[in-house]
Amino acid sequence: MYNEKNKNRLSFSSLGQLSNVYVLCICGLMGALAIALHGVATIKIGDYLRIGFSNIPNEIVAFLFGPWIGAIFGGAMDIIKWFLFPTGAYFPGYTLTAIVAGIIYGVFFYKRPIKIWRILVAEILVKLFCNLGLNTLWIMMTTGNAFKAIVVPRIAANIAKLPADTIIMLIIFPVIRHVIQPTLLNIHDRMKHKNAKTSKEK
């Protein structure tokens, strides 16, 4: 029963939500918020470290629509943010990192109860595998810097951000679940009813 439920929850069929104009509108709003946060709420420390909260919209999209839409959103936003705020040549590794992070968030958050341990585990995995793992590797590949020269400040920054990111999601997710999700469900039901009525009339 659990495995079947999990299989349905993580199915690629969730991509069908992209045909809903309201889902696209929410993704667009989250994209605008991600760009704003990247532009005004990101602190650059040295050449290899940025501390900010532009990941919050990515988590919200994955929470609402699942890992696959979260992956698409994360990858698209990485490319868009690079075009708007270029810092050197484009490197696809960072886009891959954003895609993987979207999948992780979606697997842990989509259609799951809001629990502090679930948010904490997801944040830890993203910070370990994506931020400290993949992104550190990309920095080494593109700059030639040694691992030891860049990893210590990156570890410190990710440890410092962990409590803040967890608390923010604990505050935001219940609001989304009780405000945005019911609205989306009502809209979906109305559209489904309208389409069924149109089909009968034909």
C-alpha atoms as a PDB file:
ATOM      1  CA  MET A   1       0.000   0.000   0.000  1.00  0.00           C
ATOM      2  CA  TYR A   2       2.724   2.437   0.991  1.00  0.00           C
ATOM      3  CA  ASN A   3       4.887   1.554  -2.001  1.00  0.00           C
ATOM      4  CA  GLU A   4       1.960   1.993  -4.385  1.00  0.00           C
ATOM      5  CA  LYS A   5       1.107   5.362  -2.828  1.00  0.00           C
ATOM      6  CA  ASN A   6       4.737   6.453  -3.083  1.00  0.00           C
ATOM      7  CA  LYS A   7       4.907   5.279  -6.680  1.00  0.00           C
ATOM      8  CA  ASN A   8       1.866   7.375  -7.608  1.00  0.00           C
ATOM      9  CA  ARG A   9       3.164  10.360  -5.657  1.00  0.00           C
ATOM     10  CA  LEU A  10       6.498  10.342  -7.493  1.00  0.00           C
ATOM     11  CA  SER A  11       5.109   9.408 -10.903  1.00  0.00           C
ATOM     12  CA  PHE A  12       6.035  11.451 -13.964  1.00  0.00           C
ATOM     13  CA  SER A  13       2.291  11.994 -14.376  1.00  0.00           C
ATOM     14  CA  SER A  14       2.669  14.962 -12.017  1.00  0.00           C
ATOM     15  CA  LEU A  15       4.169  16.794 -15.015  1.00  0.00           C
ATOM     16  CA  GLY A  16       0.623  16.992 -16.359  1.00  0.00           C
ATOM     17  CA  GLN A  17       0.031  19.838 -13.913  1.00  0.00           C
ATOM     18  CA  LEU A  18       2.011  22.047 -16.289  1.00  0.00           C
ATOM     19  CA  SER A  19      -1.026  22.101 -18.571  1.00  0.00           C
ATOM     20  CA  ASN A  20      -2.881  24.071 -15.864  1.00  0.00           C
ATOM     21  CA  VAL A  21      -2.539  27.800 -16.444  1.00  0.00           C
ATOM     22  CA  TYR A  22      -2.796  28.488 -12.705  1.00  0.00           C
ATOM     23  CA  VAL A  23       0.128  26.162 -11.989  1.00  0.00           C
ATOM     24  CA  LEU A  24       2.153  28.021 -14.610  1.00  0.00           C
ATOM     25  CA  CYS A  25       1.167  31.344 -13.036  1.00  0.00           C
ATOM     26  CA  ILE A  26       2.354  30.190  -9.605  1.00  0.00           C
ATOM     27  CA  CYS A  27       5.624  28.938 -11.106  1.00  0.00           C
ATOM     28  CA  GLY A  28       6.013  32.326 -12.785  1.00  0.00           C
ATOM     29  CA  LEU A  29       5.419  34.154  -9.502  1.00  0.00           C
ATOM     30  CA  MET A  30       7.896  31.886  -7.724  1.00  0.00           C
ATOM     31  CA  GLY A  31      10.391  32.520 -10.508  1.00  0.00           C
ATOM     32  CA  ALA A  32      10.040  36.279 -10.064  1.00  0.00           C
ATOM     33  CA  LEU A  33      10.509  35.871  -6.313  1.00  0.00           C
ATOM     34  CA  ALA A  34      13.622  33.720  -6.865  1.00  0.00           C
ATOM     35  CA  ILE A  35      15.122  36.399  -9.117  1.00  0.00           C
ATOM     36  CA  ALA A  36      14.318  39.150  -6.592  1.00  0.00           C
ATOM     37  CA  LEU A  37      15.837  37.176  -3.710  1.00  0.00           C
ATOM     38  CA  HIS A  38      18.909  36.356  -5.792  1.00  0.00           C
ATOM     39  CA  GLY A  39      19.372  40.007  -6.652  1.00  0.00           C
ATOM     40  CA  VAL A  40      18.761  41.663  -3.281  1.00  0.00           C
ATOM     41  CA  ALA A  41      19.013  38.948  -0.617  1.00  0.00           C
ATOM     42  CA  THR A  42      22.241  37.209  -1.601  1.00  0.00           C
ATOM     43  CA  ILE A  43      25.551  37.976   0.067  1.00  0.00           C
ATOM     44  CA  LYS A  44      28.696  37.190  -1.913  1.00  0.00           C
ATOM     45  CA  ILE A  45      31.708  36.227   0.194  1.00  0.00           C
ATOM     46  CA  GLY A  46      34.877  35.966  -1.860  1.00  0.00           C
ATOM     47  CA  ASP A  47      34.788  34.385  -5.298  1.00  0.00           C
ATOM     48  CA  TYR A  48      33.317  31.002  -4.405  1.00  0.00           C
ATOM     49  CA  LEU A  49      30.691  31.526  -1.726  1.00  0.00           C
ATOM     50  CA  ARG A  50      27.199  33.015  -1.806  1.00  0.00           C
ATOM     51  CA  ILE A  51      24.734  33.054   1.052  1.00  0.00           C
ATOM     52  CA  GLY A  52      21.118  33.793   0.219  1.00  0.00           C
ATOM     53  CA  PHE A  53      17.540  32.578   0.208  1.00  0.00           C
ATOM     54  CA  SER A  54      16.742  32.325  -3.506  1.00  0.00           C
ATOM     55  CA  ASN A  55      16.292  28.568  -2.986  1.00  0.00           C
ATOM     56  CA  ILE A  56      13.030  29.166  -1.089  1.00  0.00           C
ATOM     57  CA  PRO A  57      10.843  29.434  -4.252  1.00  0.00           C
ATOM     58  CA  ASN A  58      12.422  26.202  -5.549  1.00  0.00           C
ATOM     59  CA  GLU A  59      11.347  24.409  -2.387  1.00  0.00           C
ATOM     60  CA  ILE A  60       7.836  25.840  -2.597  1.00  0.00           C
ATOM     61  CA  VAL A  61       7.408  24.664  -6.208  1.00  0.00           C
ATOM     62  CA  ALA A  62       8.674  21.173  -5.328  1.00  0.00           C
ATOM     63  CA  PHE A  63       6.354  21.108  -2.305  1.00  0.00           C
ATOM     64  CA  LEU A  64       3.320  22.075  -4.398  1.00  0.00           C
ATOM     65  CA  PHE A  65       3.912  20.212  -7.646  1.00  0.00           C
ATOM     66  CA  GLY A  66       6.399  17.405  -7.041  1.00  0.00           C
ATOM     67  CA  PRO A  67      10.015  16.499  -7.799  1.00  0.00           C
ATOM     68  CA  TRP A  68       9.850  16.614 -11.596  1.00  0.00           C
ATOM     69  CA  ILE A  69       8.312  20.063 -11.891  1.00  0.00           C
ATOM     70  CA  GLY A  70      10.655  21.096  -9.061  1.00  0.00           C
ATOM     71  CA  ALA A  71      13.595  19.830 -11.135  1.00  0.00           C
ATOM     72  CA  ILE A  72      12.462  21.701 -14.258  1.00  0.00           C
ATOM     73  CA  PHE A  73      11.856  24.876 -12.267  1.00  0.00           C
ATOM     74  CA  GLY A  74      15.230  24.658 -10.523  1.00  0.00           C
ATOM     75  CA  GLY A  75      17.150  24.076 -13.750  1.00  0.00           C
ATOM     76  CA  ALA A  76      15.292  26.821 -15.628  1.00  0.00           C
ATOM     77  CA  MET A  77      15.804  29.341 -12.824  1.00  0.00           C
ATOM     78  CA  ASP A  78      19.537  28.598 -12.661  1.00  0.00           C
ATOM     79  CA  ILE A  79      19.864  29.448 -16.355  1.00  0.00           C
ATOM     80  CA  ILE A  80      17.638  32.540 -16.098  1.00  0.00           C
ATOM     81  CA  LYS A  81      19.530  33.846 -13.056  1.00  0.00           C
ATOM     82  CA  TRP A  82      22.830  33.356 -14.881  1.00  0.00           C
ATOM     83  CA  PHE A  83      21.553  35.417 -17.826  1.00  0.00           C
ATOM     84  CA  LEU A  84      20.370  38.185 -15.483  1.00  0.00           C
ATOM     85  CA  PHE A  85      23.321  38.073 -13.076  1.00  0.00           C
ATOM     86  CA  PRO A  86      26.233  36.546 -15.043  1.00  0.00           C
ATOM     87  CA  THR A  87      29.364  35.711 -13.069  1.00  0.00           C
ATOM     88  CA  GLY A  88      31.724  34.284 -15.638  1.00  0.00           C
ATOM     89  CA  ALA A  89      31.008  31.739 -18.343  1.00  0.00           C
ATOM     90  CA  TYR A  90      27.932  29.537 -18.074  1.00  0.00           C
ATOM     91  CA  PHE A  91      28.671  26.078 -16.653  1.00  0.00           C
ATOM     92  CA  PRO A  92      25.940  23.388 -16.910  1.00  0.00           C
ATOM     93  CA  GLY A  93      27.098  21.661 -13.725  1.00  0.00           C
ATOM     94  CA  TYR A  94      25.353  24.283 -11.604  1.00  0.00           C
ATOM     95  CA  THR A  95      22.128  23.726 -13.540  1.00  0.00           C
ATOM     96  CA  LEU A  96      22.449  20.001 -12.797  1.00  0.00           C
ATOM     97  CA  THR A  97      22.848  20.844  -9.105  1.00  0.00           C
ATOM     98  CA  ALA A  98      19.630  22.877  -9.154  1.00  0.00           C
ATOM     99  CA  ILE A  99      17.797  20.016 -10.900  1.00  0.00           C
ATOM    100  CA  VAL A 100      18.997  17.453  -8.345  1.00  0.00           C
ATOM    101  CA  ALA A 101      18.022  19.758  -5.456  1.00  0.00           C
ATOM    102  CA  GLY A 102      14.519  20.125  -6.923  1.00  0.00           C
ATOM    103  CA  ILE A 103      14.158  16.347  -7.080  1.00  0.00           C
ATOM    104  CA  ILE A 104      15.311  15.921  -3.474  1.00  0.00           C
ATOM    105  CA  TYR A 105      12.911  18.588  -2.204  1.00  0.00           C
ATOM    106  CA  GLY A 106      10.026  17.096  -4.174  1.00  0.00           C
ATOM    107  CA  VAL A 107      10.682  13.546  -2.960  1.00  0.00           C
ATOM    108  CA  PHE A 108      10.602  14.692   0.675  1.00  0.00           C
ATOM    109  CA  PHE A 109       7.900  17.381   0.516  1.00  0.00           C
ATOM    110  CA  TYR A 110       5.361  16.569  -2.218  1.00  0.00           C
ATOM    111  CA  LYS A 111       2.103  15.238  -0.757  1.00  0.00           C
ATOM    112  CA  ARG A 112       3.839  14.449   2.532  1.00  0.00           C
ATOM    113  CA  PRO A 113       2.941  15.578   6.066  1.00  0.00           C
ATOM    114  CA  ILE A 114       4.857  18.642   7.233  1.00  0.00           C
ATOM    115  CA  LYS A 115       7.366  17.341   9.779  1.00  0.00           C
ATOM    116  CA  ILE A 116      10.466  19.047  11.133  1.00  0.00           C
ATOM    117  CA  TRP A 117      12.573  15.913  10.666  1.00  0.00           C
ATOM    118  CA  ARG A 118      11.528  15.651   6.995  1.00  0.00           C
ATOM    119  CA  ILE A 119      12.452  19.265   6.284  1.00  0.00           C
ATOM    120  CA  LEU A 120      15.703  18.909   8.204  1.00  0.00           C
ATOM    121  CA  VAL A 121      16.749  15.733   6.344  1.00  0.00           C
ATOM    122  CA  ALA A 122      15.940  17.290   2.956  1.00  0.00           C
ATOM    123  CA  GLU A 123      17.920  20.430   3.804  1.00  0.00           C
ATOM    124  CA  ILE A 124      20.881  18.368   5.035  1.00  0.00           C
ATOM    125  CA  LEU A 125      20.909  16.203   1.893  1.00  0.00           C
ATOM    126  CA  VAL A 126      20.803  19.223  -0.405  1.00  0.00           C
ATOM    127  CA  LYS A 127      23.535  20.978   1.525  1.00  0.00           C
ATOM    128  CA  LEU A 128      25.771  17.900   1.666  1.00  0.00           C
ATOM    129  CA  PHE A 129      25.255  16.433  -1.800  1.00  0.00           C
ATOM    130  CA  CYS A 130      24.401  19.502  -3.883  1.00  0.00           C
ATOM    131  CA  ASN A 131      26.115  22.452  -2.180  1.00  0.00           C
ATOM    132  CA  LEU A 132      29.190  20.839  -0.619  1.00  0.00           C
ATOM    133  CA  GLY A 133      29.458  17.966  -3.073  1.00  0.00           C
ATOM    134  CA  LEU A 134      28.474  18.911  -6.612  1.00  0.00           C
ATOM    135  CA  ASN A 135      28.981  22.672  -6.418  1.00  0.00           C
ATOM    136  CA  THR A 136      32.383  22.319  -4.768  1.00  0.00           C
ATOM    137  CA  LEU A 137      33.360  19.925  -7.563  1.00  0.00           C
ATOM    138  CA  TRP A 138      32.189  22.398 -10.207  1.00  0.00           C
ATOM    139  CA  ILE A 139      34.195  25.206  -8.566  1.00  0.00           C
ATOM    140  CA  MET A 140      37.314  23.036  -8.560  1.00  0.00           C
ATOM    141  CA  MET A 141      36.781  22.126 -12.223  1.00  0.00           C
ATOM    142  CA  THR A 142      36.187  25.704 -13.395  1.00  0.00           C
ATOM    143  CA  THR A 143      38.780  27.499 -11.259  1.00  0.00           C
ATOM    144  CA  GLY A 144      41.454  24.909 -10.589  1.00  0.00           C
ATOM    145  CA  ASN A 145      41.375  25.670  -6.858  1.00  0.00           C
ATOM    146  CA  ALA A 146      42.271  22.936  -4.396  1.00  0.00           C
ATOM    147  CA  PHE A 147      39.518  21.277  -2.368  1.00  0.00           C
ATOM    148  CA  LYS A 148      40.941  22.426   0.973  1.00  0.00           C
ATOM    149  CA  ALA A 149      41.062  26.043  -0.139  1.00  0.00           C
ATOM    150  CA  ILE A 150      37.324  26.331  -0.705  1.00  0.00           C
ATOM    151  CA  VAL A 151      35.573  23.646   1.316  1.00  0.00           C
ATOM    152  CA  VAL A 152      36.025  25.012   4.874  1.00  0.00           C
ATOM    153  CA  PRO A 153      34.151  28.319   4.393  1.00  0.00           C
ATOM    154  CA  ARG A 154      31.491  26.469   2.389  1.00  0.00           C
ATOM    155  CA  ILE A 155      30.940  23.990   5.229  1.00  0.00           C
ATOM    156  CA  ALA A 156      30.660  26.832   7.741  1.00  0.00           C
ATOM    157  CA  ALA A 157      28.156  28.727   5.578  1.00  0.00           C
ATOM    158  CA  ASN A 158      25.928  25.686   5.004  1.00  0.00           C
ATOM    159  CA  ILE A 159      25.930  24.759   8.705  1.00  0.00           C
ATOM    160  CA  ALA A 160      24.988  28.339   9.588  1.00  0.00           C
ATOM    161  CA  LYS A 161      22.132  28.369   7.039  1.00  0.00           C
ATOM    162  CA  LEU A 162      20.657  25.014   8.029  1.00  0.00           C
ATOM    163  CA  PRO A 163      18.601  26.194  11.053  1.00  0.00           C
ATOM    164  CA  ALA A 164      17.330  29.294   9.232  1.00  0.00           C
ATOM    165  CA  ASP A 165      16.252  27.338   6.121  1.00  0.00           C
ATOM    166  CA  THR A 166      14.503  24.722   8.256  1.00  0.00           C
ATOM    167  CA  ILE A 167      12.612  27.285  10.342  1.00  0.00           C
ATOM    168  CA  ILE A 168      11.563  29.279   7.255  1.00  0.00           C
ATOM    169  CA  MET A 169      10.106  26.171   5.607  1.00  0.00           C
ATOM    170  CA  LEU A 170       8.331  25.189   8.837  1.00  0.00           C
ATOM    171  CA  ILE A 171       6.605  28.575   8.767  1.00  0.00           C
ATOM    172  CA  ILE A 172       5.885  28.767   5.030  1.00  0.00           C
ATOM    173  CA  PHE A 173       4.699  25.223   4.273  1.00  0.00           C
ATOM    174  CA  PRO A 174       1.627  25.236   6.592  1.00  0.00           C
ATOM    175  CA  VAL A 175       0.518  28.565   5.113  1.00  0.00           C
ATOM    176  CA  ILE A 176       0.835  27.170   1.585  1.00  0.00           C
ATOM    177  CA  ARG A 177      -0.983  23.960   2.526  1.00  0.00           C
ATOM    178  CA  HIS A 178      -3.932  25.813   4.056  1.00  0.00           C
ATOM    179  CA  VAL A 179      -4.166  28.737   1.614  1.00  0.00           C
ATOM    180  CA  ILE A 180      -2.684  28.015  -1.817  1.00  0.00           C
ATOM    181  CA  GLN A 181      -3.320  24.269  -2.145  1.00  0.00           C
ATOM    182  CA  PRO A 182      -7.086  24.442  -1.410  1.00  0.00           C
ATOM    183  CA  THR A 183      -7.388  27.243  -3.973  1.00  0.00           C
ATOM    184  CA  LEU A 184      -5.588  25.165  -6.589  1.00  0.00           C
ATOM    185  CA  LEU A 185      -7.796  22.178  -5.795  1.00  0.00           C
ATOM    186  CA  ASN A 186     -10.975  24.260  -6.146  1.00  0.00           C
ATOM    187  CA  ILE A 187      -9.787  25.664  -9.460  1.00  0.00           C
ATOM    188  CA  HIS A 188      -8.902  22.169 -10.691  1.00  0.00           C
ATOM    189  CA  ASP A 189     -12.321  20.831  -9.693  1.00  0.00           C
ATOM    190  CA  ARG A 190     -14.125  23.720 -11.406  1.00  0.00           C
ATOM    191  CA  MET A 191     -12.133  23.248 -14.608  1.00  0.00           C
ATOM    192  CA  LYS A 192     -12.766  19.503 -14.527  1.00  0.00           C
ATOM    193  CA  HIS A 193     -16.493  20.096 -14.061  1.00  0.00           C
ATOM    194  CA  LYS A 194     -16.534  22.678 -16.853  1.00  0.00           C
ATOM    195  CA  ASN A 195     -14.703  20.341 -19.265  1.00  0.00           C
ATOM    196  CA  ALA A 196     -17.075  17.488 -18.404  1.00  0.00           C
ATOM    197  CA  LYS A 197     -20.079  19.760 -19.016  1.00  0.00           C
ATOM    198  CA  THR A 198     -18.662  20.924 -22.346  1.00  0.00           C
ATOM    199  CA  SER A 199     -18.087  17.319 -23.436  1.00  0.00           C
ATOM    200  CA  LYS A 200     -21.708  16.387 -22.611  1.00  0.00           C
ATOM    201  CA  GLU A 201     -23.028  19.352 -24.595  1.00  0.00           C
ATOM    202  CA  LYS A 202     -21.051  18.236 -27.632  1.00  0.00           C
END
